[in-house]
Amino acid sequence: MITTITMNAAIDKTYITPSFAIDKLHRVKEMYAFAGGKGINVARVVHALQEPVTASGIIAGHNGKFIEAALAEEGIAHQFVAVEGESRLCLAITDPSTGSVTELLEAGPALTEEDVEQMKLTIARLARTSTHVVMSGSLPQGCPVTFYKDCVDIIRKNGASPILDTSGDALVSGMEGRPLLIKPNEHEVLKLTGSDHADEDAILQAIHAVMEQGIQSVVVSLGAQGALAGMYNRIYRVMIPKVDVLNTVGSGDSMIAGLVVGDKRGMLPEEQLKLGAACGTANALTPAAGMVSLPQVKELMKSISVQQIC
């Protein structure tokens, strides 16, 4: 089983609004509302790839009940920790005429020390029956910045491989535990290594530097340009096909899902990266995060190339 952790689960609501502009009245003709948050997006794609998955994390209030009900309707197993307050609403306004995405993100509930400890106990329990535990997204109010580092250690001690997809101080702290895989963007990976440059050579050097810290896999998404990835002390270039992008929200989460499933299945690095890139690209063709289909992913894998460059 693969477990995903979303410490600030949400209702993701997407409005498809052509010619969107501020200071104007828009009547929305297409709207989608789903259980959301980065880890839940990962779980949805893992489920689409036909691997057993459990979504966990923090929920609260009426929105939290909606999240559980929505996941149950999708057939995705879940074991959340319920806290006081209200789970957040994240609104995305997508303009298909320009490809722009405008996001409005609420803060979500504030955690107590007891909530944090209960979440750690839940992660430990789920890790015992999991091959991989994926921790995704920002930390909620009241959660210490060292939370992910602590959980990396907990996951590994309970027999699973820890995956971390976050940013800022939470990423810096979490890396101290040496998770199996991280997926910073190009700006984040350069920041991690203190680089003053922003070209490809600097990104490659940064990937090498992070792997030397004991992190096996470092995947840096470059959007439409594909990705650069370090795996097992080798560097790969991932090239993806040009597509008509409908939605970019969740593409990184979808890529993580493909990478983790590939690792669970024992795929070679090149095939893991193809599967991850195909999932990320498939997400861009859907109106909402994580709504990929297995046939589409398989078809996209045929047009993705992975080359070892050093």
C-alpha atoms as a PDB file:
ATOM      1  CA  MET A   1       0.000   0.000   0.000  1.00  0.00           C
ATOM      2  CA  ILE A   2       0.985   3.628  -0.571  1.00  0.00           C
ATOM      3  CA  THR A   3      -0.077   6.193   2.029  1.00  0.00           C
ATOM      4  CA  THR A   4      -0.362   9.909   1.361  1.00  0.00           C
ATOM      5  CA  ILE A   5      -0.343  12.631   4.014  1.00  0.00           C
ATOM      6  CA  THR A   6      -2.078  15.989   3.516  1.00  0.00           C
ATOM      7  CA  MET A   7      -1.564  18.125   6.596  1.00  0.00           C
ATOM      8  CA  ASN A   8      -3.926  20.829   5.339  1.00  0.00           C
ATOM      9  CA  ALA A   9      -6.596  19.011   3.346  1.00  0.00           C
ATOM     10  CA  ALA A  10      -9.032  21.158   1.395  1.00  0.00           C
ATOM     11  CA  ILE A  11     -12.029  21.354  -0.846  1.00  0.00           C
ATOM     12  CA  ASP A  12     -10.583  22.236  -4.245  1.00  0.00           C
ATOM     13  CA  LYS A  13     -13.102  24.196  -6.271  1.00  0.00           C
ATOM     14  CA  THR A  14     -12.303  25.048  -9.887  1.00  0.00           C
ATOM     15  CA  TYR A  15     -14.201  27.589 -11.984  1.00  0.00           C
ATOM     16  CA  ILE A  16     -13.687  27.360 -15.757  1.00  0.00           C
ATOM     17  CA  THR A  17     -14.096  30.999 -16.780  1.00  0.00           C
ATOM     18  CA  PRO A  18     -13.185  32.122 -20.342  1.00  0.00           C
ATOM     19  CA  SER A  19     -11.906  35.718 -20.646  1.00  0.00           C
ATOM     20  CA  PHE A  20     -11.591  36.063 -16.881  1.00  0.00           C
ATOM     21  CA  ALA A  21     -10.757  39.580 -15.703  1.00  0.00           C
ATOM     22  CA  ILE A  22     -10.810  41.395 -12.376  1.00  0.00           C
ATOM     23  CA  ASP A  23     -13.475  44.018 -11.616  1.00  0.00           C
ATOM     24  CA  LYS A  24     -15.973  42.230 -13.863  1.00  0.00           C
ATOM     25  CA  LEU A  25     -19.023  40.031 -13.289  1.00  0.00           C
ATOM     26  CA  HIS A  26     -18.577  36.428 -14.466  1.00  0.00           C
ATOM     27  CA  ARG A  27     -21.296  33.789 -14.592  1.00  0.00           C
ATOM     28  CA  VAL A  28     -19.614  30.432 -14.145  1.00  0.00           C
ATOM     29  CA  LYS A  29     -20.834  27.749 -16.535  1.00  0.00           C
ATOM     30  CA  GLU A  30     -18.440  24.991 -15.442  1.00  0.00           C
ATOM     31  CA  MET A  31     -17.515  24.246 -11.828  1.00  0.00           C
ATOM     32  CA  TYR A  32     -15.787  21.288 -10.199  1.00  0.00           C
ATOM     33  CA  ALA A  33     -15.481  20.637  -6.454  1.00  0.00           C
ATOM     34  CA  PHE A  34     -13.334  17.794  -5.145  1.00  0.00           C
ATOM     35  CA  ALA A  35     -11.460  16.658  -2.074  1.00  0.00           C
ATOM     36  CA  GLY A  36      -8.100  18.363  -2.445  1.00  0.00           C
ATOM     37  CA  GLY A  37      -4.695  19.165  -1.088  1.00  0.00           C
ATOM     38  CA  LYS A  38      -1.432  17.926  -2.561  1.00  0.00           C
ATOM     39  CA  GLY A  39      -1.379  14.545  -0.852  1.00  0.00           C
ATOM     40  CA  ILE A  40      -4.978  13.838  -1.820  1.00  0.00           C
ATOM     41  CA  ASN A  41      -4.097  14.676  -5.437  1.00  0.00           C
ATOM     42  CA  VAL A  42      -1.279  12.112  -5.188  1.00  0.00           C
ATOM     43  CA  ALA A  43      -3.664   9.517  -3.756  1.00  0.00           C
ATOM     44  CA  ARG A  44      -6.141  10.087  -6.567  1.00  0.00           C
ATOM     45  CA  VAL A  45      -3.510   9.397  -9.234  1.00  0.00           C
ATOM     46  CA  VAL A  46      -2.096   6.374  -7.391  1.00  0.00           C
ATOM     47  CA  HIS A  47      -5.666   5.033  -7.322  1.00  0.00           C
ATOM     48  CA  ALA A  48      -6.017   5.695 -11.064  1.00  0.00           C
ATOM     49  CA  LEU A  49      -2.814   3.686 -11.604  1.00  0.00           C
ATOM     50  CA  GLN A  50      -4.539   0.790  -9.811  1.00  0.00           C
ATOM     51  CA  GLU A  51      -2.306   0.668  -6.742  1.00  0.00           C
ATOM     52  CA  PRO A  52      -3.762   0.348  -3.221  1.00  0.00           C
ATOM     53  CA  VAL A  53      -3.646   3.723  -1.478  1.00  0.00           C
ATOM     54  CA  THR A  54      -4.824   5.348   1.738  1.00  0.00           C
ATOM     55  CA  ALA A  55      -5.187   9.119   2.105  1.00  0.00           C
ATOM     56  CA  SER A  56      -4.491  10.552   5.548  1.00  0.00           C
ATOM     57  CA  GLY A  57      -3.828  13.926   7.135  1.00  0.00           C
ATOM     58  CA  ILE A  58      -5.801  16.619   8.938  1.00  0.00           C
ATOM     59  CA  ILE A  59      -9.456  17.516   8.398  1.00  0.00           C
ATOM     60  CA  ALA A  60     -11.885  19.717  10.313  1.00  0.00           C
ATOM     61  CA  GLY A  61     -15.540  20.765  10.399  1.00  0.00           C
ATOM     62  CA  HIS A  62     -18.180  20.486   7.685  1.00  0.00           C
ATOM     63  CA  ASN A  63     -15.591  20.832   4.926  1.00  0.00           C
ATOM     64  CA  GLY A  64     -13.711  17.909   6.449  1.00  0.00           C
ATOM     65  CA  LYS A  65     -16.834  15.755   6.242  1.00  0.00           C
ATOM     66  CA  PHE A  66     -17.214  16.746   2.575  1.00  0.00           C
ATOM     67  CA  ILE A  67     -13.598  15.668   1.945  1.00  0.00           C
ATOM     68  CA  GLU A  68     -14.199  12.235   3.492  1.00  0.00           C
ATOM     69  CA  ALA A  69     -17.476  11.762   1.619  1.00  0.00           C
ATOM     70  CA  ALA A  70     -15.918  12.812  -1.689  1.00  0.00           C
ATOM     71  CA  LEU A  71     -13.039  10.371  -1.296  1.00  0.00           C
ATOM     72  CA  ALA A  72     -15.435   7.573  -0.376  1.00  0.00           C
ATOM     73  CA  GLU A  73     -17.424   8.299  -3.538  1.00  0.00           C
ATOM     74  CA  GLU A  74     -14.199   8.004  -5.565  1.00  0.00           C
ATOM     75  CA  GLY A  75     -13.369   4.686  -3.894  1.00  0.00           C
ATOM     76  CA  ILE A  76     -10.239   6.028  -2.186  1.00  0.00           C
ATOM     77  CA  ALA A  77      -9.571   4.668   1.311  1.00  0.00           C
ATOM     78  CA  HIS A  78      -8.879   7.307   3.951  1.00  0.00           C
ATOM     79  CA  GLN A  79      -7.904   7.607   7.621  1.00  0.00           C
ATOM     80  CA  PHE A  80      -7.789  11.250   8.716  1.00  0.00           C
ATOM     81  CA  VAL A  81      -7.256  12.925  12.070  1.00  0.00           C
ATOM     82  CA  ALA A  82     -10.178  15.271  12.807  1.00  0.00           C
ATOM     83  CA  VAL A  83      -9.402  18.525  14.665  1.00  0.00           C
ATOM     84  CA  GLU A  84     -11.287  21.632  15.738  1.00  0.00           C
ATOM     85  CA  GLY A  85     -11.980  24.372  13.197  1.00  0.00           C
ATOM     86  CA  GLU A  86     -12.757  24.143   9.488  1.00  0.00           C
ATOM     87  CA  SER A  87     -10.834  22.604   6.614  1.00  0.00           C
ATOM     88  CA  ARG A  88      -9.921  25.153   3.990  1.00  0.00           C
ATOM     89  CA  LEU A  89     -11.457  25.993   0.645  1.00  0.00           C
ATOM     90  CA  CYS A  90      -9.053  26.485  -2.268  1.00  0.00           C
ATOM     91  CA  LEU A  91     -10.476  28.255  -5.287  1.00  0.00           C
ATOM     92  CA  ALA A  92      -8.904  28.110  -8.740  1.00  0.00           C
ATOM     93  CA  ILE A  93     -10.194  30.251 -11.600  1.00  0.00           C
ATOM     94  CA  THR A  94      -9.015  28.805 -14.902  1.00  0.00           C
ATOM     95  CA  ASP A  95      -9.237  30.786 -18.133  1.00  0.00           C
ATOM     96  CA  PRO A  96      -8.957  28.328 -21.063  1.00  0.00           C
ATOM     97  CA  SER A  97      -8.605  31.187 -23.554  1.00  0.00           C
ATOM     98  CA  THR A  98      -5.275  32.293 -22.029  1.00  0.00           C
ATOM     99  CA  GLY A  99      -4.201  29.290 -19.939  1.00  0.00           C
ATOM    100  CA  SER A 100      -4.066  31.459 -16.808  1.00  0.00           C
ATOM    101  CA  VAL A 101      -4.910  30.060 -13.366  1.00  0.00           C
ATOM    102  CA  THR A 102      -5.807  32.387 -10.476  1.00  0.00           C
ATOM    103  CA  GLU A 103      -5.819  30.741  -7.035  1.00  0.00           C
ATOM    104  CA  LEU A 104      -7.333  31.819  -3.705  1.00  0.00           C
ATOM    105  CA  LEU A 105      -6.237  29.628  -0.778  1.00  0.00           C
ATOM    106  CA  GLU A 106      -7.695  29.727   2.727  1.00  0.00           C
ATOM    107  CA  ALA A 107      -5.482  29.060   5.760  1.00  0.00           C
ATOM    108  CA  GLY A 108      -7.258  26.060   7.285  1.00  0.00           C
ATOM    109  CA  PRO A 109      -7.394  24.976  10.955  1.00  0.00           C
ATOM    110  CA  ALA A 110      -4.729  25.638  13.598  1.00  0.00           C
ATOM    111  CA  LEU A 111      -3.325  22.520  15.295  1.00  0.00           C
ATOM    112  CA  THR A 112      -2.680  21.922  18.974  1.00  0.00           C
ATOM    113  CA  GLU A 113       0.270  19.930  20.328  1.00  0.00           C
ATOM    114  CA  GLU A 114      -2.141  17.033  20.909  1.00  0.00           C
ATOM    115  CA  ASP A 115      -3.256  17.159  17.259  1.00  0.00           C
ATOM    116  CA  VAL A 116       0.355  17.003  16.081  1.00  0.00           C
ATOM    117  CA  GLU A 117       1.144  14.012  18.303  1.00  0.00           C
ATOM    118  CA  GLN A 118      -2.006  12.199  17.183  1.00  0.00           C
ATOM    119  CA  MET A 119      -0.985  12.724  13.565  1.00  0.00           C
ATOM    120  CA  LYS A 120       2.472  11.265  14.240  1.00  0.00           C
ATOM    121  CA  LEU A 121       0.900   8.189  15.826  1.00  0.00           C
ATOM    122  CA  THR A 122      -1.385   7.785  12.803  1.00  0.00           C
ATOM    123  CA  ILE A 123       1.553   8.060  10.395  1.00  0.00           C
ATOM    124  CA  ALA A 124       3.507   5.458  12.374  1.00  0.00           C
ATOM    125  CA  ARG A 125       0.564   3.053  12.266  1.00  0.00           C
ATOM    126  CA  LEU A 126      -0.032   3.511   8.529  1.00  0.00           C
ATOM    127  CA  ALA A 127       3.679   3.195   7.726  1.00  0.00           C
ATOM    128  CA  ARG A 128       3.709  -0.339   9.163  1.00  0.00           C
ATOM    129  CA  THR A 129       1.454  -1.543   6.336  1.00  0.00           C
ATOM    130  CA  SER A 130       2.837   0.722   3.589  1.00  0.00           C
ATOM    131  CA  THR A 131       5.738   0.530   1.153  1.00  0.00           C
ATOM    132  CA  HIS A 132       5.840   4.329   0.734  1.00  0.00           C
ATOM    133  CA  VAL A 133       4.460   7.281   2.686  1.00  0.00           C
ATOM    134  CA  VAL A 134       4.170  10.510   0.695  1.00  0.00           C
ATOM    135  CA  MET A 135       4.056  13.781   2.650  1.00  0.00           C
ATOM    136  CA  SER A 136       2.904  16.665   0.491  1.00  0.00           C
ATOM    137  CA  GLY A 137       2.172  20.347   0.896  1.00  0.00           C
ATOM    138  CA  SER A 138       2.584  23.110   3.439  1.00  0.00           C
ATOM    139  CA  LEU A 139       2.264  22.711   7.186  1.00  0.00           C
ATOM    140  CA  PRO A 140      -0.836  24.157   8.896  1.00  0.00           C
ATOM    141  CA  GLN A 141      -0.845  26.716  11.670  1.00  0.00           C
ATOM    142  CA  GLY A 142       0.433  25.306  14.957  1.00  0.00           C
ATOM    143  CA  CYS A 143       2.507  22.577  13.313  1.00  0.00           C
ATOM    144  CA  PRO A 144       6.264  22.867  14.057  1.00  0.00           C
ATOM    145  CA  VAL A 145       8.604  23.324  11.118  1.00  0.00           C
ATOM    146  CA  THR A 146      10.417  20.133  12.156  1.00  0.00           C
ATOM    147  CA  PHE A 147       7.276  18.015  11.711  1.00  0.00           C
ATOM    148  CA  TYR A 148       8.276  16.481   8.372  1.00  0.00           C
ATOM    149  CA  LYS A 149      11.789  15.683   9.605  1.00  0.00           C
ATOM    150  CA  ASP A 150      10.304  13.891  12.614  1.00  0.00           C
ATOM    151  CA  CYS A 151       7.916  11.994  10.346  1.00  0.00           C
ATOM    152  CA  VAL A 152      10.669  10.949   7.915  1.00  0.00           C
ATOM    153  CA  ASP A 153      12.347   9.218  10.864  1.00  0.00           C
ATOM    154  CA  ILE A 154       9.034   7.713  12.058  1.00  0.00           C
ATOM    155  CA  ILE A 155       8.184   6.363   8.589  1.00  0.00           C
ATOM    156  CA  ARG A 156      11.580   4.780   8.072  1.00  0.00           C
ATOM    157  CA  LYS A 157      11.597   3.199  11.551  1.00  0.00           C
ATOM    158  CA  ASN A 158       8.235   1.612  10.759  1.00  0.00           C
ATOM    159  CA  GLY A 159       9.456   0.022   7.539  1.00  0.00           C
ATOM    160  CA  ALA A 160       8.267   2.359   4.763  1.00  0.00           C
ATOM    161  CA  SER A 161      10.060   4.713   2.355  1.00  0.00           C
ATOM    162  CA  PRO A 162       9.449   8.429   3.097  1.00  0.00           C
ATOM    163  CA  ILE A 163       8.714  10.825   0.212  1.00  0.00           C
ATOM    164  CA  LEU A 164       8.637  14.596   0.765  1.00  0.00           C
ATOM    165  CA  ASP A 165       7.125  17.254  -1.490  1.00  0.00           C
ATOM    166  CA  THR A 166       7.053  20.608   0.255  1.00  0.00           C
ATOM    167  CA  SER A 167       8.966  23.901   0.190  1.00  0.00           C
ATOM    168  CA  GLY A 168      10.661  26.550   2.307  1.00  0.00           C
ATOM    169  CA  ASP A 169      11.769  25.840   5.862  1.00  0.00           C
ATOM    170  CA  ALA A 170       9.674  22.661   6.034  1.00  0.00           C
ATOM    171  CA  LEU A 171      11.686  21.246   3.116  1.00  0.00           C
ATOM    172  CA  VAL A 172      15.033  22.325   4.552  1.00  0.00           C
ATOM    173  CA  SER A 173      14.189  20.697   7.876  1.00  0.00           C
ATOM    174  CA  GLY A 174      12.666  17.588   6.275  1.00  0.00           C
ATOM    175  CA  MET A 175      15.763  16.991   4.153  1.00  0.00           C
ATOM    176  CA  GLU A 176      17.788  16.445   7.330  1.00  0.00           C
ATOM    177  CA  GLY A 177      15.979  13.116   7.685  1.00  0.00           C
ATOM    178  CA  ARG A 178      17.087  12.106   4.150  1.00  0.00           C
ATOM    179  CA  PRO A 179      13.766  11.124   2.510  1.00  0.00           C
ATOM    180  CA  LEU A 180      13.921   8.806  -0.479  1.00  0.00           C
ATOM    181  CA  LEU A 181      12.640  11.459  -2.912  1.00  0.00           C
ATOM    182  CA  ILE A 182      12.073  15.204  -3.008  1.00  0.00           C
ATOM    183  CA  LYS A 183      10.630  17.294  -5.859  1.00  0.00           C
ATOM    184  CA  PRO A 184      11.683  20.949  -5.516  1.00  0.00           C
ATOM    185  CA  ASN A 185      11.088  23.393  -8.356  1.00  0.00           C
ATOM    186  CA  GLU A 186      14.073  24.969 -10.094  1.00  0.00           C
ATOM    187  CA  HIS A 187      14.084  28.025  -7.827  1.00  0.00           C
ATOM    188  CA  GLU A 188      13.802  25.932  -4.679  1.00  0.00           C
ATOM    189  CA  VAL A 189      16.639  23.543  -5.543  1.00  0.00           C
ATOM    190  CA  LEU A 190      18.950  26.483  -6.284  1.00  0.00           C
ATOM    191  CA  LYS A 191      17.954  28.108  -3.010  1.00  0.00           C
ATOM    192  CA  LEU A 192      18.717  24.877  -1.140  1.00  0.00           C
ATOM    193  CA  THR A 193      22.308  24.990  -2.356  1.00  0.00           C
ATOM    194  CA  GLY A 194      22.808  28.761  -2.172  1.00  0.00           C
ATOM    195  CA  SER A 195      23.426  29.123  -5.909  1.00  0.00           C
ATOM    196  CA  ASP A 196      23.486  32.640  -7.383  1.00  0.00           C
ATOM    197  CA  HIS A 197      22.842  31.345 -10.909  1.00  0.00           C
ATOM    198  CA  ALA A 198      19.644  30.178 -12.570  1.00  0.00           C
ATOM    199  CA  ASP A 199      20.828  28.255 -15.626  1.00  0.00           C
ATOM    200  CA  GLU A 200      20.776  24.537 -16.359  1.00  0.00           C
ATOM    201  CA  ASP A 201      24.347  23.931 -15.209  1.00  0.00           C
ATOM    202  CA  ALA A 202      23.490  25.449 -11.819  1.00  0.00           C
ATOM    203  CA  ILE A 203      20.431  23.196 -11.524  1.00  0.00           C
ATOM    204  CA  LEU A 204      22.511  20.121 -12.368  1.00  0.00           C
ATOM    205  CA  GLN A 205      25.115  21.077  -9.763  1.00  0.00           C
ATOM    206  CA  ALA A 206      22.361  21.640  -7.209  1.00  0.00           C
ATOM    207  CA  ILE A 207      20.857  18.208  -7.906  1.00  0.00           C
ATOM    208  CA  HIS A 208      24.275  16.600  -7.399  1.00  0.00           C
ATOM    209  CA  ALA A 209      24.753  18.539  -4.159  1.00  0.00           C
ATOM    210  CA  VAL A 210      21.402  17.399  -2.761  1.00  0.00           C
ATOM    211  CA  MET A 211      22.047  13.752  -3.657  1.00  0.00           C
ATOM    212  CA  GLU A 212      25.400  13.995  -1.878  1.00  0.00           C
ATOM    213  CA  GLN A 213      23.424  14.821   1.270  1.00  0.00           C
ATOM    214  CA  GLY A 214      22.007  11.286   1.180  1.00  0.00           C
ATOM    215  CA  ILE A 215      18.781  11.832  -0.775  1.00  0.00           C
ATOM    216  CA  GLN A 216      18.480   9.151  -3.444  1.00  0.00           C
ATOM    217  CA  SER A 217      16.148  10.910  -5.900  1.00  0.00           C
ATOM    218  CA  VAL A 218      15.774  14.625  -6.703  1.00  0.00           C
ATOM    219  CA  VAL A 219      13.294  15.557  -9.437  1.00  0.00           C
ATOM    220  CA  VAL A 220      13.126  19.166 -10.639  1.00  0.00           C
ATOM    221  CA  SER A 221      10.115  19.934 -12.824  1.00  0.00           C
ATOM    222  CA  LEU A 222      10.649  22.533 -15.562  1.00  0.00           C
ATOM    223  CA  GLY A 223       7.034  22.830 -16.706  1.00  0.00           C
ATOM    224  CA  ALA A 224       6.610  22.547 -20.459  1.00  0.00           C
ATOM    225  CA  GLN A 225      10.361  21.910 -20.752  1.00  0.00           C
ATOM    226  CA  GLY A 226      10.027  18.622 -18.895  1.00  0.00           C
ATOM    227  CA  ALA A 227      12.309  17.897 -15.968  1.00  0.00           C
ATOM    228  CA  LEU A 228      15.836  17.284 -14.760  1.00  0.00           C
ATOM    229  CA  ALA A 229      16.220  14.441 -12.308  1.00  0.00           C
ATOM    230  CA  GLY A 230      18.879  12.828 -10.203  1.00  0.00           C
ATOM    231  CA  MET A 231      18.451   9.161  -9.320  1.00  0.00           C
ATOM    232  CA  TYR A 232      21.030   6.742  -7.938  1.00  0.00           C
ATOM    233  CA  ASN A 233      23.827   9.291  -8.516  1.00  0.00           C
ATOM    234  CA  ARG A 234      22.936   9.734 -12.184  1.00  0.00           C
ATOM    235  CA  ILE A 235      21.295  12.718 -13.897  1.00  0.00           C
ATOM    236  CA  TYR A 236      18.497  12.446 -16.445  1.00  0.00           C
ATOM    237  CA  ARG A 237      16.731  14.824 -18.791  1.00  0.00           C
ATOM    238  CA  VAL A 238      12.995  14.229 -19.222  1.00  0.00           C
ATOM    239  CA  MET A 239      11.350  15.603 -22.376  1.00  0.00           C
ATOM    240  CA  ILE A 240       7.571  15.758 -22.688  1.00  0.00           C
ATOM    241  CA  PRO A 241       5.279  16.368 -25.691  1.00  0.00           C
ATOM    242  CA  LYS A 242       3.595  19.697 -26.342  1.00  0.00           C
ATOM    243  CA  VAL A 243      -0.030  19.606 -25.234  1.00  0.00           C
ATOM    244  CA  ASP A 244      -2.954  22.005 -25.021  1.00  0.00           C
ATOM    245  CA  VAL A 245      -2.851  22.749 -21.310  1.00  0.00           C
ATOM    246  CA  LEU A 246      -6.226  23.000 -19.616  1.00  0.00           C
ATOM    247  CA  ASN A 247      -5.091  22.966 -15.991  1.00  0.00           C
ATOM    248  CA  THR A 248      -1.691  23.070 -14.261  1.00  0.00           C
ATOM    249  CA  VAL A 249      -2.919  22.617 -10.666  1.00  0.00           C
ATOM    250  CA  GLY A 250      -1.906  19.152  -9.468  1.00  0.00           C
ATOM    251  CA  SER A 251       0.551  18.301 -12.241  1.00  0.00           C
ATOM    252  CA  GLY A 252       3.453  18.144  -9.793  1.00  0.00           C
ATOM    253  CA  ASP A 253       1.419  15.954  -7.430  1.00  0.00           C
ATOM    254  CA  SER A 254       0.506  13.679 -10.325  1.00  0.00           C
ATOM    255  CA  MET A 255       4.167  13.366 -11.244  1.00  0.00           C
ATOM    256  CA  ILE A 256       5.017  12.375  -7.666  1.00  0.00           C
ATOM    257  CA  ALA A 257       2.317   9.688  -7.811  1.00  0.00           C
ATOM    258  CA  GLY A 258       3.787   8.202 -10.975  1.00  0.00           C
ATOM    259  CA  LEU A 259       7.321   8.245  -9.554  1.00  0.00           C
ATOM    260  CA  VAL A 260       6.248   6.515  -6.345  1.00  0.00           C
ATOM    261  CA  VAL A 261       4.219   3.873  -8.155  1.00  0.00           C
ATOM    262  CA  GLY A 262       7.193   3.283 -10.448  1.00  0.00           C
ATOM    263  CA  ASP A 263       9.495   2.826  -7.457  1.00  0.00           C
ATOM    264  CA  LYS A 264       7.015   0.480  -5.775  1.00  0.00           C
ATOM    265  CA  ARG A 265       6.894  -1.629  -8.943  1.00  0.00           C
ATOM    266  CA  GLY A 266      10.691  -1.795  -9.163  1.00  0.00           C
ATOM    267  CA  MET A 267      10.920   0.080 -12.462  1.00  0.00           C
ATOM    268  CA  LEU A 268      14.265   1.297 -13.757  1.00  0.00           C
ATOM    269  CA  PRO A 269      14.907   5.042 -13.225  1.00  0.00           C
ATOM    270  CA  GLU A 270      14.137   5.864 -16.859  1.00  0.00           C
ATOM    271  CA  GLU A 271      10.767   4.107 -16.669  1.00  0.00           C
ATOM    272  CA  GLN A 272       9.929   5.693 -13.313  1.00  0.00           C
ATOM    273  CA  LEU A 273      10.562   9.108 -14.834  1.00  0.00           C
ATOM    274  CA  LYS A 274       8.471   8.311 -17.904  1.00  0.00           C
ATOM    275  CA  LEU A 275       5.558   7.241 -15.736  1.00  0.00           C
ATOM    276  CA  GLY A 276       5.896  10.306 -13.525  1.00  0.00           C
ATOM    277  CA  ALA A 277       6.080  12.692 -16.480  1.00  0.00           C
ATOM    278  CA  ALA A 278       3.138  10.990 -18.200  1.00  0.00           C
ATOM    279  CA  CYS A 279       0.991  11.410 -15.086  1.00  0.00           C
ATOM    280  CA  GLY A 280       1.962  15.076 -14.769  1.00  0.00           C
ATOM    281  CA  THR A 281       1.212  15.718 -18.430  1.00  0.00           C
ATOM    282  CA  ALA A 282      -2.096  13.850 -18.265  1.00  0.00           C
ATOM    283  CA  ASN A 283      -3.133  16.055 -15.355  1.00  0.00           C
ATOM    284  CA  ALA A 284      -2.563  19.166 -17.480  1.00  0.00           C
ATOM    285  CA  LEU A 285      -5.177  17.863 -19.924  1.00  0.00           C
ATOM    286  CA  THR A 286      -7.903  17.558 -17.270  1.00  0.00           C
ATOM    287  CA  PRO A 287     -10.104  20.272 -15.728  1.00  0.00           C
ATOM    288  CA  ALA A 288      -9.258  19.354 -12.102  1.00  0.00           C
ATOM    289  CA  ALA A 289      -6.263  18.067 -10.152  1.00  0.00           C
ATOM    290  CA  GLY A 290      -5.480  14.373 -10.299  1.00  0.00           C
ATOM    291  CA  MET A 291      -8.281  13.338 -12.636  1.00  0.00           C
ATOM    292  CA  VAL A 292      -6.032  11.295 -14.929  1.00  0.00           C
ATOM    293  CA  SER A 293      -6.963   8.102 -16.737  1.00  0.00           C
ATOM    294  CA  LEU A 294      -4.755   5.033 -17.022  1.00  0.00           C
ATOM    295  CA  PRO A 295      -5.194   4.662 -20.832  1.00  0.00           C
ATOM    296  CA  GLN A 296      -4.169   8.289 -21.333  1.00  0.00           C
ATOM    297  CA  VAL A 297      -1.107   7.872 -19.109  1.00  0.00           C
ATOM    298  CA  LYS A 298      -0.039   4.770 -21.046  1.00  0.00           C
ATOM    299  CA  GLU A 299      -0.450   6.598 -24.356  1.00  0.00           C
ATOM    300  CA  LEU A 300       1.543   9.629 -23.168  1.00  0.00           C
ATOM    301  CA  MET A 301       4.415   7.416 -21.988  1.00  0.00           C
ATOM    302  CA  LYS A 302       5.066   6.547 -25.635  1.00  0.00           C
ATOM    303  CA  SER A 303       5.883  10.195 -26.452  1.00  0.00           C
ATOM    304  CA  ILE A 304       8.101  10.922 -23.430  1.00  0.00           C
ATOM    305  CA  SER A 305      11.867  10.478 -23.716  1.00  0.00           C
ATOM    306  CA  VAL A 306      14.386  10.160 -20.888  1.00  0.00           C
ATOM    307  CA  GLN A 307      18.110  10.544 -21.515  1.00  0.00           C
ATOM    308  CA  GLN A 308      20.953  10.030 -19.079  1.00  0.00           C
ATOM    309  CA  ILE A 309      23.166  13.131 -19.352  1.00  0.00           C
ATOM    310  CA  CYS A 310      25.764  12.466 -16.636  1.00  0.00           C
END
